[in-house]
Amino acid sequence: MSQFNWPLRVYYEDTDSGGVVYHSNYLNFMERARTEWLRALGFEQTSLKSDLGIMFVVHSISIAYKSPACFNDLLEIRTHFLKMGHGSIEFIQKIYRDDQLLIEANVKLACVDTAIFKPVGIPKVIKQAIKPMEQ
C-alpha cells in the first residue's frame, strides 16, 4: 500500500464565490487523505494521541497548483508514501479529477509528543506497519 487513493466530492463550502476550490482547502483534502491512509493501516488519530501519546504534524509542504477544481467535481487524492525517518514520514500527494492532475505536493510529517509538542521517534508499532512500503 505504498499508494493510497481516496475519493472526495467538492462541496459548495469548499469553493469561493466563483465556484472554484479555495487554494487552502486542498491542504484540508490532503490532510483527510493522510488520516484515511493511517486508518487503513489500522491507526486512528484519537488512539495515537490517547494510547501512544503522539501525533503527526506537518513539518513542511511544497505545493504546485496546476489546474483548479470546481464545485461538485469528484476528485481523487493519491497519497504516495516516499520514506520514513526516525521521527518523520514523507509523501507525495496528488489530486486528480478523472485523469487530469490538479495539485501536486511534497509533504513531510513530524511525529511529536502530544504533551510537550516536541519531536519524538515514530513508535515501533507504526514503523512495523509502514516498513513493508519502503523500497
Foldseek 3Di string as FASTA:
>chain_A
DLKDKDKDWAAQVQDDPVQWGDVCVVVVVQVVRVQVVCVVLPDHQVCCCPPVQKHKDWPDKDKDFDAIDGHGFMKMKMWGWDDDDQFKTWTWIWIDRVNDTGMIMITMIGMARNVPRDGGGDDPVVCVSCVVSYD
